[in-house]
Amino acid sequence: MEPGPPSTATCCMVHERGRGRSGEAVTVRDSDAIASRCAGAGGWPRARGRARERMCSMTTRDMTGGAVSGAVTAAGIDHVRLSYHYLDIGDIDGYGSLLADDIRVVRPDAPLRAGREEVLSLHQDALVPPGTHHIEEIVAQGHSVVVTGRLTPPAASRPDGTARDLEFVDWFTLTDDSMLRGYRRYYFTAPS
């Protein structure tokens, strides 16, 4: 049987030709290769069946002793960008695919929402202002992604047909598998 296409996985320690670093992303053909590399590096013992599946489903935090892989953060940034795109085009199912089951959303313009279904209803029921997101800057480290940007509401939302952008900052938190665990939105407003 031919091996399938390579997949990317993170190993606790990679030793190939005498080189390796903790938490290094490696390309492997299957989970047996991960298990054998880990065993060869003094990591997990070679595993079979359910034990191997459990080992391979471990999170980056489990594998690297608390450190967060750059791959987790990079994938989280991609998920954040996609979340704005899905909301802008009205793809609630696509947006929902990026959310952790236990997501929490805190916004000044809506009540606290906890759980995927409540967060999806926030957008389906138009409880928050619709519009187009324009990302200006993204700063990320570990399990946190911070986005500054502008939300342009639909022009029809104002009586004169013009739209005023709302400047915002969103602070996202990520799960160990780069899903969106939560976000808190802040709007820039002039003090009254």
N, C-alpha and C. Protein backbone atom coordinates (compact mmCIF):
# COMPACT_ATOMS: atom_id res chain seq x y z
N MET A 1 0.84 -1.18 0.00
CA MET A 1 0.00 0.00 0.00
C MET A 1 0.88 1.24 0.00
N GLU A 2 0.59 2.19 -0.89
CA GLU A 2 1.34 3.45 -0.99
C GLU A 2 1.02 4.35 0.20
N PRO A 3 2.02 5.00 0.78
CA PRO A 3 1.72 5.94 1.85
C PRO A 3 0.96 7.14 1.30
N GLY A 4 0.09 7.72 2.10
CA GLY A 4 -0.69 8.88 1.69
C GLY A 4 0.17 10.12 1.64
N PRO A 5 -0.45 11.24 1.31
CA PRO A 5 0.31 12.48 1.25
C PRO A 5 0.81 12.86 2.64
N PRO A 6 1.95 13.55 2.70
CA PRO A 6 2.49 13.92 4.00
C PRO A 6 1.53 14.84 4.75
N SER A 7 1.55 14.74 6.06
CA SER A 7 0.78 15.67 6.88
C SER A 7 1.76 16.32 7.84
N THR A 8 1.38 17.49 8.37
CA THR A 8 2.27 18.18 9.29
C THR A 8 1.85 17.89 10.71
N ALA A 9 2.80 17.60 11.55
CA ALA A 9 2.52 17.35 12.96
C ALA A 9 3.66 17.94 13.77
N THR A 10 3.41 18.16 15.03
CA THR A 10 4.47 18.67 15.90
C THR A 10 4.90 17.54 16.80
N CYS A 11 6.19 17.35 16.92
CA CYS A 11 6.76 16.27 17.70
C CYS A 11 7.40 16.86 18.94
N CYS A 12 7.45 16.07 20.03
CA CYS A 12 8.07 16.60 21.25
C CYS A 12 9.55 16.86 21.03
N MET A 13 10.20 16.07 20.21
CA MET A 13 11.61 16.28 19.91
C MET A 13 11.88 15.58 18.59
N VAL A 14 12.56 16.25 17.71
CA VAL A 14 12.84 15.67 16.40
C VAL A 14 14.34 15.47 16.30
N HIS A 15 14.75 14.25 16.01
CA HIS A 15 16.17 13.97 15.81
C HIS A 15 16.31 13.32 14.45
N GLU A 16 16.72 14.11 13.50
CA GLU A 16 17.00 13.59 12.18
C GLU A 16 18.42 13.97 11.85
N ARG A 17 19.23 13.01 11.54
CA ARG A 17 20.63 13.25 11.21
C ARG A 17 21.31 14.08 12.32
N GLY A 18 20.93 13.78 13.57
CA GLY A 18 21.60 14.43 14.69
C GLY A 18 21.12 15.83 15.00
N ARG A 19 20.09 16.33 14.29
CA ARG A 19 19.61 17.69 14.54
C ARG A 19 18.18 17.61 15.03
N GLY A 20 17.77 18.57 15.81
CA GLY A 20 16.39 18.62 16.25
C GLY A 20 16.19 19.67 17.32
N ARG A 21 14.97 20.18 17.40
CA ARG A 21 14.63 21.20 18.39
C ARG A 21 13.27 20.86 18.98
N SER A 22 13.08 21.18 20.23
CA SER A 22 11.81 20.94 20.88
C SER A 22 10.71 21.74 20.21
N GLY A 23 9.59 21.09 19.92
CA GLY A 23 8.45 21.77 19.34
C GLY A 23 8.58 22.05 17.86
N GLU A 24 9.59 21.48 17.21
CA GLU A 24 9.81 21.74 15.80
C GLU A 24 8.70 21.10 14.97
N ALA A 25 8.22 21.81 13.96
CA ALA A 25 7.20 21.25 13.07
C ALA A 25 7.89 20.29 12.11
N VAL A 26 7.33 19.14 11.94
CA VAL A 26 7.92 18.14 11.07
C VAL A 26 6.87 17.63 10.10
N THR A 27 7.31 17.18 8.95
CA THR A 27 6.41 16.56 8.00
C THR A 27 6.63 15.06 8.08
N VAL A 28 5.56 14.35 8.31
CA VAL A 28 5.65 12.90 8.46
C VAL A 28 4.57 12.25 7.61
N ARG A 29 4.76 10.97 7.32
CA ARG A 29 3.79 10.25 6.51
C ARG A 29 2.64 9.71 7.34
N ASP A 30 2.86 9.39 8.59
CA ASP A 30 1.78 8.88 9.43
C ASP A 30 2.17 9.00 10.90
N SER A 31 1.24 8.65 11.76
CA SER A 31 1.48 8.80 13.19
C SER A 31 2.53 7.82 13.71
N ASP A 32 2.77 6.68 13.00
CA ASP A 32 3.83 5.77 13.43
C ASP A 32 5.18 6.46 13.36
N ALA A 33 5.35 7.30 12.34
CA ALA A 33 6.61 8.02 12.22
C ALA A 33 6.80 8.98 13.39
N ILE A 34 5.73 9.63 13.82
CA ILE A 34 5.82 10.51 14.98
C ILE A 34 6.21 9.70 16.20
N ALA A 35 5.52 8.58 16.40
CA ALA A 35 5.80 7.76 17.57
C ALA A 35 7.24 7.27 17.58
N SER A 36 7.75 6.83 16.43
CA SER A 36 9.11 6.32 16.40
C SER A 36 10.12 7.45 16.61
N ARG A 37 9.85 8.63 16.08
CA ARG A 37 10.76 9.76 16.30
C ARG A 37 10.76 10.16 17.77
N CYS A 38 9.59 10.19 18.39
CA CYS A 38 9.51 10.56 19.80
C CYS A 38 10.23 9.53 20.66
N ALA A 39 10.03 8.25 20.35
CA ALA A 39 10.68 7.19 21.13
C ALA A 39 12.19 7.27 20.96
N GLY A 40 12.65 7.54 19.74
CA GLY A 40 14.07 7.64 19.47
C GLY A 40 14.71 8.84 20.15
N ALA A 41 13.91 9.85 20.46
CA ALA A 41 14.44 11.05 21.09
C ALA A 41 14.30 10.99 22.61
N GLY A 42 13.88 9.84 23.13
CA GLY A 42 13.70 9.73 24.57
C GLY A 42 12.35 10.26 25.02
N GLY A 43 11.46 10.48 24.07
CA GLY A 43 10.13 11.00 24.40
C GLY A 43 9.18 9.85 24.67
N TRP A 44 7.97 9.96 24.16
CA TRP A 44 6.96 8.93 24.41
C TRP A 44 7.42 7.58 23.90
N PRO A 45 7.03 6.52 24.57
CA PRO A 45 7.34 5.20 24.05
C PRO A 45 6.54 4.95 22.77
N ARG A 46 7.06 4.09 21.95
CA ARG A 46 6.35 3.77 20.72
C ARG A 46 4.96 3.26 21.08
N ALA A 47 3.96 3.80 20.42
CA ALA A 47 2.58 3.50 20.79
C ALA A 47 1.87 2.83 19.62
N ARG A 48 0.85 2.09 19.95
CA ARG A 48 0.03 1.41 18.95
C ARG A 48 -1.43 1.68 19.25
N GLY A 49 -2.28 1.57 18.23
CA GLY A 49 -3.73 1.63 18.40
C GLY A 49 -4.20 2.89 19.12
N ARG A 50 -5.05 2.69 20.13
CA ARG A 50 -5.65 3.82 20.85
C ARG A 50 -4.60 4.70 21.51
N ALA A 51 -3.56 4.08 22.05
CA ALA A 51 -2.52 4.88 22.69
C ALA A 51 -1.87 5.81 21.67
N ARG A 52 -1.63 5.30 20.47
CA ARG A 52 -1.03 6.12 19.43
C ARG A 52 -1.97 7.25 19.05
N GLU A 53 -3.27 6.94 18.92
CA GLU A 53 -4.23 7.98 18.58
C GLU A 53 -4.27 9.05 19.65
N ARG A 54 -4.22 8.62 20.92
CA ARG A 54 -4.24 9.59 22.02
C ARG A 54 -2.99 10.46 21.96
N MET A 55 -1.84 9.84 21.71
CA MET A 55 -0.61 10.59 21.65
C MET A 55 -0.67 11.61 20.51
N CYS A 56 -1.18 11.19 19.37
CA CYS A 56 -1.18 12.06 18.21
C CYS A 56 -2.22 13.17 18.31
N SER A 57 -3.18 13.02 19.21
CA SER A 57 -4.17 14.07 19.37
C SER A 57 -3.76 15.05 20.46
N MET A 58 -2.59 14.86 21.04
CA MET A 58 -2.15 15.77 22.09
C MET A 58 -1.95 17.16 21.51
N THR A 59 -2.10 18.14 22.34
CA THR A 59 -1.97 19.52 21.87
C THR A 59 -0.52 19.95 21.87
N THR A 60 -0.26 21.06 21.22
CA THR A 60 1.09 21.60 21.18
C THR A 60 1.58 21.90 22.59
N ARG A 61 0.70 22.41 23.44
CA ARG A 61 1.10 22.71 24.82
C ARG A 61 1.54 21.43 25.53
N ASP A 62 0.80 20.32 25.31
CA ASP A 62 1.18 19.06 25.93
C ASP A 62 2.54 18.60 25.44
N MET A 63 2.80 18.79 24.17
CA MET A 63 4.01 18.27 23.57
C MET A 63 5.25 19.07 23.91
N THR A 64 5.09 20.36 24.15
CA THR A 64 6.26 21.21 24.34
C THR A 64 6.38 21.72 25.77
N GLY A 65 5.67 21.11 26.70
CA GLY A 65 5.82 21.47 28.09
C GLY A 65 5.33 22.87 28.41
N GLY A 66 4.28 23.34 27.77
CA GLY A 66 3.71 24.64 28.09
C GLY A 66 3.95 25.69 27.03
N ALA A 67 4.95 25.53 26.22
CA ALA A 67 5.22 26.51 25.17
C ALA A 67 4.19 26.36 24.05
N VAL A 68 3.91 27.46 23.37
CA VAL A 68 2.96 27.43 22.27
C VAL A 68 3.74 27.46 20.97
N SER A 69 3.44 26.54 20.10
CA SER A 69 4.10 26.47 18.80
C SER A 69 3.75 27.68 17.96
N GLY A 70 4.70 28.15 17.19
CA GLY A 70 4.44 29.24 16.25
C GLY A 70 3.39 28.83 15.23
N ALA A 71 3.29 27.53 14.96
CA ALA A 71 2.28 27.06 14.01
C ALA A 71 0.87 27.27 14.56
N VAL A 72 0.70 27.11 15.88
CA VAL A 72 -0.61 27.35 16.50
C VAL A 72 -0.99 28.81 16.34
N THR A 73 -0.04 29.70 16.62
CA THR A 73 -0.30 31.13 16.51
C THR A 73 -0.58 31.52 15.06
N ALA A 74 0.21 31.00 14.13
CA ALA A 74 0.02 31.33 12.71
C ALA A 74 -1.34 30.84 12.22
N ALA A 75 -1.72 29.64 12.59
CA ALA A 75 -3.04 29.13 12.20
C ALA A 75 -4.14 29.95 12.86
N GLY A 76 -3.92 30.38 14.09
CA GLY A 76 -4.89 31.23 14.78
C GLY A 76 -5.08 32.55 14.06
N ILE A 77 -4.00 33.13 13.56
CA ILE A 77 -4.10 34.38 12.78
C ILE A 77 -4.95 34.14 11.54
N ASP A 78 -4.70 33.02 10.86
CA ASP A 78 -5.50 32.69 9.67
C ASP A 78 -6.98 32.53 10.04
N HIS A 79 -7.26 31.90 11.17
CA HIS A 79 -8.66 31.72 11.60
C HIS A 79 -9.31 33.06 11.92
N VAL A 80 -8.55 33.97 12.53
CA VAL A 80 -9.09 35.30 12.83
C VAL A 80 -9.43 36.02 11.53
N ARG A 81 -8.50 36.01 10.57
CA ARG A 81 -8.77 36.65 9.27
C ARG A 81 -10.00 36.03 8.60
N LEU A 82 -10.08 34.71 8.62
CA LEU A 82 -11.23 34.03 8.03
C LEU A 82 -12.53 34.38 8.74
N SER A 83 -12.47 34.56 10.06
CA SER A 83 -13.69 34.88 10.80
C SER A 83 -14.28 36.20 10.31
N TYR A 84 -13.44 37.19 10.07
CA TYR A 84 -13.94 38.46 9.54
C TYR A 84 -14.51 38.27 8.13
N HIS A 85 -13.80 37.51 7.32
CA HIS A 85 -14.27 37.27 5.95
C HIS A 85 -15.64 36.59 5.96
N TYR A 86 -15.78 35.53 6.75
CA TYR A 86 -17.06 34.82 6.81
C TYR A 86 -18.19 35.72 7.31
N LEU A 87 -17.91 36.54 8.31
CA LEU A 87 -18.95 37.46 8.80
C LEU A 87 -19.31 38.49 7.74
N ASP A 88 -18.31 38.99 7.01
CA ASP A 88 -18.56 40.01 5.98
C ASP A 88 -19.43 39.48 4.84
N ILE A 89 -19.25 38.21 4.48
CA ILE A 89 -20.04 37.65 3.37
C ILE A 89 -21.30 36.95 3.86
N GLY A 90 -21.50 36.91 5.18
CA GLY A 90 -22.71 36.30 5.73
C GLY A 90 -22.68 34.79 5.82
N ASP A 91 -21.49 34.18 5.80
CA ASP A 91 -21.37 32.73 5.89
C ASP A 91 -21.27 32.32 7.37
N ILE A 92 -22.41 32.18 8.01
CA ILE A 92 -22.45 31.86 9.44
C ILE A 92 -21.91 30.45 9.70
N ASP A 93 -22.18 29.51 8.81
CA ASP A 93 -21.65 28.15 8.99
C ASP A 93 -20.12 28.15 8.93
N GLY A 94 -19.56 28.88 7.97
CA GLY A 94 -18.11 28.99 7.87
C GLY A 94 -17.53 29.61 9.13
N TYR A 95 -18.17 30.67 9.61
CA TYR A 95 -17.74 31.32 10.84
C TYR A 95 -17.79 30.34 12.01
N GLY A 96 -18.87 29.59 12.11
CA GLY A 96 -19.03 28.63 13.19
C GLY A 96 -17.97 27.54 13.18
N SER A 97 -17.43 27.21 12.00
CA SER A 97 -16.41 26.17 11.91
C SER A 97 -15.10 26.59 12.56
N LEU A 98 -14.93 27.87 12.84
CA LEU A 98 -13.70 28.37 13.44
C LEU A 98 -13.79 28.51 14.96
N LEU A 99 -14.97 28.29 15.51
CA LEU A 99 -15.22 28.55 16.93
C LEU A 99 -15.06 27.30 17.79
N ALA A 100 -14.46 27.47 18.95
CA ALA A 100 -14.41 26.40 19.95
C ALA A 100 -15.81 26.25 20.54
N ASP A 101 -16.11 25.07 21.05
CA ASP A 101 -17.43 24.83 21.66
C ASP A 101 -17.70 25.77 22.83
N ASP A 102 -16.65 26.12 23.58
CA ASP A 102 -16.82 26.93 24.78
C ASP A 102 -16.46 28.41 24.57
N ILE A 103 -16.61 28.91 23.36
CA ILE A 103 -16.25 30.30 23.05
C ILE A 103 -17.05 31.28 23.91
N ARG A 104 -16.42 32.39 24.27
CA ARG A 104 -17.07 33.48 25.00
C ARG A 104 -16.80 34.77 24.24
N VAL A 105 -17.85 35.55 24.01
CA VAL A 105 -17.73 36.82 23.29
C VAL A 105 -18.24 37.94 24.18
N VAL A 106 -17.40 38.95 24.36
CA VAL A 106 -17.75 40.13 25.15
C VAL A 106 -17.64 41.34 24.24
N ARG A 107 -18.76 42.04 24.08
CA ARG A 107 -18.81 43.23 23.22
C ARG A 107 -19.61 44.31 23.95
N PRO A 108 -19.26 45.59 23.73
CA PRO A 108 -20.03 46.66 24.38
C PRO A 108 -21.42 46.85 23.77
N ASP A 109 -21.62 46.32 22.56
CA ASP A 109 -22.89 46.53 21.85
C ASP A 109 -23.80 45.31 21.87
N ALA A 110 -23.50 44.33 22.72
CA ALA A 110 -24.32 43.12 22.79
C ALA A 110 -24.11 42.45 24.15
N PRO A 111 -25.09 41.65 24.57
CA PRO A 111 -24.91 40.92 25.83
C PRO A 111 -23.83 39.84 25.69
N LEU A 112 -23.24 39.45 26.82
CA LEU A 112 -22.25 38.38 26.84
C LEU A 112 -22.83 37.13 26.20
N ARG A 113 -22.04 36.48 25.37
CA ARG A 113 -22.46 35.22 24.74
C ARG A 113 -21.43 34.16 25.09
N ALA A 114 -21.91 32.99 25.50
CA ALA A 114 -21.04 31.87 25.84
C ALA A 114 -21.53 30.62 25.12
N GLY A 115 -20.63 29.96 24.43
CA GLY A 115 -20.98 28.76 23.68
C GLY A 115 -21.19 29.08 22.20
N ARG A 116 -20.86 28.12 21.37
CA ARG A 116 -20.94 28.31 19.92
C ARG A 116 -22.33 28.74 19.46
N GLU A 117 -23.38 28.08 19.93
CA GLU A 117 -24.74 28.40 19.47
C GLU A 117 -25.13 29.83 19.82
N GLU A 118 -24.81 30.28 21.03
CA GLU A 118 -25.14 31.66 21.42
C GLU A 118 -24.38 32.68 20.58
N VAL A 119 -23.11 32.39 20.31
CA VAL A 119 -22.31 33.31 19.50
C VAL A 119 -22.84 33.37 18.07
N LEU A 120 -23.21 32.22 17.52
CA LEU A 120 -23.76 32.22 16.17
C LEU A 120 -25.08 32.98 16.12
N SER A 121 -25.90 32.85 17.15
CA SER A 121 -27.18 33.58 17.16
C SER A 121 -26.95 35.09 17.24
N LEU A 122 -25.86 35.50 17.85
CA LEU A 122 -25.51 36.91 17.92
C LEU A 122 -25.41 37.50 16.51
N HIS A 123 -24.84 36.74 15.60
CA HIS A 123 -24.66 37.22 14.22
C HIS A 123 -25.86 36.89 13.34
N GLN A 124 -26.47 35.74 13.52
CA GLN A 124 -27.64 35.37 12.72
C GLN A 124 -28.81 36.30 12.98
N ASP A 125 -28.99 36.68 14.23
CA ASP A 125 -30.13 37.52 14.61
C ASP A 125 -29.83 39.01 14.48
N ALA A 126 -28.69 39.35 13.90
CA ALA A 126 -28.27 40.74 13.66
C ALA A 126 -28.31 41.58 14.94
N LEU A 127 -27.81 41.00 16.03
CA LEU A 127 -27.74 41.73 17.29
C LEU A 127 -26.52 42.64 17.37
N VAL A 128 -25.61 42.49 16.43
CA VAL A 128 -24.43 43.36 16.35
C VAL A 128 -24.45 44.05 14.99
N PRO A 129 -23.81 45.21 14.89
CA PRO A 129 -23.88 45.94 13.62
C PRO A 129 -23.23 45.16 12.47
N PRO A 130 -23.92 45.05 11.34
CA PRO A 130 -23.32 44.40 10.17
C PRO A 130 -22.36 45.36 9.49
N GLY A 131 -21.60 44.86 8.58
CA GLY A 131 -20.70 45.72 7.83
C GLY A 131 -19.52 44.94 7.29
N THR A 132 -18.55 45.69 6.81
CA THR A 132 -17.34 45.11 6.25
C THR A 132 -16.16 45.46 7.14
N HIS A 133 -15.40 44.45 7.53
CA HIS A 133 -14.23 44.66 8.38
C HIS A 133 -13.01 44.98 7.51
N HIS A 134 -12.25 45.97 7.94
CA HIS A 134 -10.99 46.32 7.29
C HIS A 134 -9.90 46.18 8.34
N ILE A 135 -9.07 45.17 8.20
CA ILE A 135 -8.01 44.92 9.18
C ILE A 135 -6.86 45.88 8.91
N GLU A 136 -6.42 46.55 9.96
CA GLU A 136 -5.29 47.46 9.83
C GLU A 136 -4.00 46.84 10.38
N GLU A 137 -4.11 46.14 11.49
CA GLU A 137 -2.92 45.54 12.08
C GLU A 137 -3.30 44.32 12.90
N ILE A 138 -2.41 43.33 12.89
CA ILE A 138 -2.59 42.13 13.70
C ILE A 138 -1.30 41.92 14.50
N VAL A 139 -1.45 41.73 15.80
CA VAL A 139 -0.33 41.42 16.68
C VAL A 139 -0.69 40.12 17.39
N ALA A 140 0.22 39.16 17.37
CA ALA A 140 -0.10 37.85 17.96
C ALA A 140 1.09 37.30 18.72
N GLN A 141 0.77 36.61 19.79
CA GLN A 141 1.77 35.87 20.55
C GLN A 141 1.06 34.77 21.30
N GLY A 142 1.58 33.56 21.18
CA GLY A 142 1.00 32.44 21.90
C GLY A 142 -0.46 32.23 21.56
N HIS A 143 -1.30 32.24 22.58
CA HIS A 143 -2.74 32.02 22.40
C HIS A 143 -3.52 33.30 22.22
N SER A 144 -2.87 34.43 21.99
CA SER A 144 -3.56 35.72 21.84
C SER A 144 -3.32 36.33 20.47
N VAL A 145 -4.38 36.86 19.89
CA VAL A 145 -4.30 37.60 18.63
C VAL A 145 -5.09 38.89 18.84
N VAL A 146 -4.43 40.02 18.59
CA VAL A 146 -5.08 41.32 18.73
C VAL A 146 -5.16 41.96 17.36
N VAL A 147 -6.35 42.45 17.02
CA VAL A 147 -6.60 43.04 15.70
C VAL A 147 -7.10 44.46 15.88
N THR A 148 -6.52 45.40 15.14
CA THR A 148 -7.09 46.74 15.05
C THR A 148 -7.66 46.88 13.65
N GLY A 149 -8.76 47.59 13.54
CA GLY A 149 -9.38 47.74 12.23
C GLY A 149 -10.54 48.70 12.25
N ARG A 150 -11.24 48.72 11.13
CA ARG A 150 -12.43 49.56 10.96
C ARG A 150 -13.57 48.69 10.47
N LEU A 151 -14.75 48.99 10.96
CA LEU A 151 -15.97 48.33 10.51
C LEU A 151 -16.77 49.36 9.73
N THR A 152 -16.97 49.10 8.45
CA THR A 152 -17.77 50.00 7.61
C THR A 152 -19.18 49.45 7.54
N PRO A 153 -20.14 50.15 8.17
CA PRO A 153 -21.53 49.67 8.10
C PRO A 153 -22.10 49.87 6.70
N PRO A 154 -23.15 49.14 6.36
CA PRO A 154 -23.79 49.35 5.06
C PRO A 154 -24.24 50.81 4.93
N ALA A 155 -24.06 51.40 3.76
CA ALA A 155 -24.42 52.81 3.54
C ALA A 155 -25.89 53.06 3.82
N ALA A 156 -26.72 52.06 3.60
CA ALA A 156 -28.16 52.23 3.81
C ALA A 156 -28.52 52.38 5.29
N SER A 157 -27.55 52.15 6.18
CA SER A 157 -27.87 52.20 7.60
C SER A 157 -28.02 53.63 8.12
N ARG A 158 -27.58 54.63 7.34
CA ARG A 158 -27.73 56.01 7.77
C ARG A 158 -28.72 56.71 6.86
N PRO A 159 -29.50 57.63 7.40
CA PRO A 159 -30.54 58.30 6.61
C PRO A 159 -30.00 59.02 5.37
N ASP A 160 -28.80 59.60 5.47
CA ASP A 160 -28.25 60.33 4.32
C ASP A 160 -27.49 59.43 3.35
N GLY A 161 -27.44 58.12 3.62
CA GLY A 161 -26.80 57.17 2.71
C GLY A 161 -25.30 57.09 2.88
N THR A 162 -24.72 57.86 3.80
CA THR A 162 -23.28 57.79 4.03
C THR A 162 -23.00 56.82 5.16
N ALA A 163 -21.78 56.39 5.22
CA ALA A 163 -21.39 55.46 6.28
C ALA A 163 -20.17 56.01 7.01
N ARG A 164 -20.19 55.91 8.32
CA ARG A 164 -19.04 56.32 9.12
C ARG A 164 -18.41 55.06 9.68
N ASP A 165 -17.12 54.89 9.43
CA ASP A 165 -16.42 53.71 9.93
C ASP A 165 -16.34 53.73 11.45
N LEU A 166 -16.44 52.55 12.03
CA LEU A 166 -16.26 52.37 13.46
C LEU A 166 -14.89 51.74 13.67
N GLU A 167 -14.01 52.41 14.39
CA GLU A 167 -12.70 51.83 14.67
C GLU A 167 -12.85 50.86 15.84
N PHE A 168 -12.16 49.73 15.75
CA PHE A 168 -12.29 48.71 16.79
C PHE A 168 -10.97 48.04 17.08
N VAL A 169 -10.91 47.39 18.22
CA VAL A 169 -9.84 46.47 18.58
C VAL A 169 -10.53 45.20 19.06
N ASP A 170 -10.12 44.07 18.52
CA ASP A 170 -10.61 42.76 18.97
C ASP A 170 -9.44 42.00 19.56
N TRP A 171 -9.64 41.45 20.74
CA TRP A 171 -8.62 40.63 21.38
C TRP A 171 -9.15 39.20 21.42
N PHE A 172 -8.55 38.33 20.60
CA PHE A 172 -8.96 36.93 20.49
C PHE A 172 -8.06 36.06 21.37
N THR A 173 -8.65 35.00 21.91
CA THR A 173 -7.87 33.94 22.55
C THR A 173 -8.10 32.66 21.75
N LEU A 174 -7.07 31.83 21.70
CA LEU A 174 -7.09 30.61 20.89
C LEU A 174 -7.02 29.37 21.76
N THR A 175 -7.55 28.29 21.24
CA THR A 175 -7.37 26.99 21.88
C THR A 175 -6.02 26.44 21.44
N ASP A 176 -5.64 25.30 21.99
CA ASP A 176 -4.38 24.68 21.61
C ASP A 176 -4.37 24.20 20.16
N ASP A 177 -5.55 24.05 19.56
CA ASP A 177 -5.60 23.66 18.15
C ASP A 177 -6.05 24.83 17.26
N SER A 178 -5.80 26.06 17.73
CA SER A 178 -5.98 27.29 16.95
C SER A 178 -7.43 27.69 16.69
N MET A 179 -8.37 27.08 17.39
CA MET A 179 -9.77 27.51 17.25
C MET A 179 -9.97 28.78 18.08
N LEU A 180 -10.99 29.55 17.74
CA LEU A 180 -11.27 30.78 18.47
C LEU A 180 -12.00 30.44 19.77
N ARG A 181 -11.34 30.68 20.89
CA ARG A 181 -11.92 30.38 22.21
C ARG A 181 -12.74 31.56 22.72
N GLY A 182 -12.41 32.75 22.27
CA GLY A 182 -13.15 33.92 22.71
C GLY A 182 -12.60 35.19 22.10
N TYR A 183 -13.40 36.24 22.19
CA TYR A 183 -12.87 37.55 21.85
C TYR A 183 -13.63 38.62 22.59
N ARG A 184 -12.93 39.73 22.78
CA ARG A 184 -13.48 40.91 23.43
C ARG A 184 -13.28 42.06 22.46
N ARG A 185 -14.37 42.78 22.18
CA ARG A 185 -14.30 43.91 21.24
C ARG A 185 -14.32 45.22 22.02
N TYR A 186 -13.49 46.15 21.53
CA TYR A 186 -13.46 47.52 22.04
C TYR A 186 -13.66 48.45 20.86
N TYR A 187 -14.48 49.48 21.03
CA TYR A 187 -14.65 50.50 20.00
C TYR A 187 -13.93 51.77 20.43
N PHE A 188 -13.36 52.49 19.46
CA PHE A 188 -12.76 53.79 19.73
C PHE A 188 -13.87 54.82 19.63
N THR A 189 -14.11 55.53 20.70
CA THR A 189 -15.11 56.59 20.68
C THR A 189 -14.53 57.81 21.38
N ALA A 190 -15.00 58.97 20.97
CA ALA A 190 -14.56 60.20 21.61
C ALA A 190 -15.20 60.29 22.99
N PRO A 191 -14.44 60.74 23.99
CA PRO A 191 -15.05 60.89 25.31
C PRO A 191 -16.15 61.94 25.28
N SER A 192 -17.19 61.72 26.05
CA SER A 192 -18.31 62.67 26.02
C SER A 192 -18.18 63.74 27.08
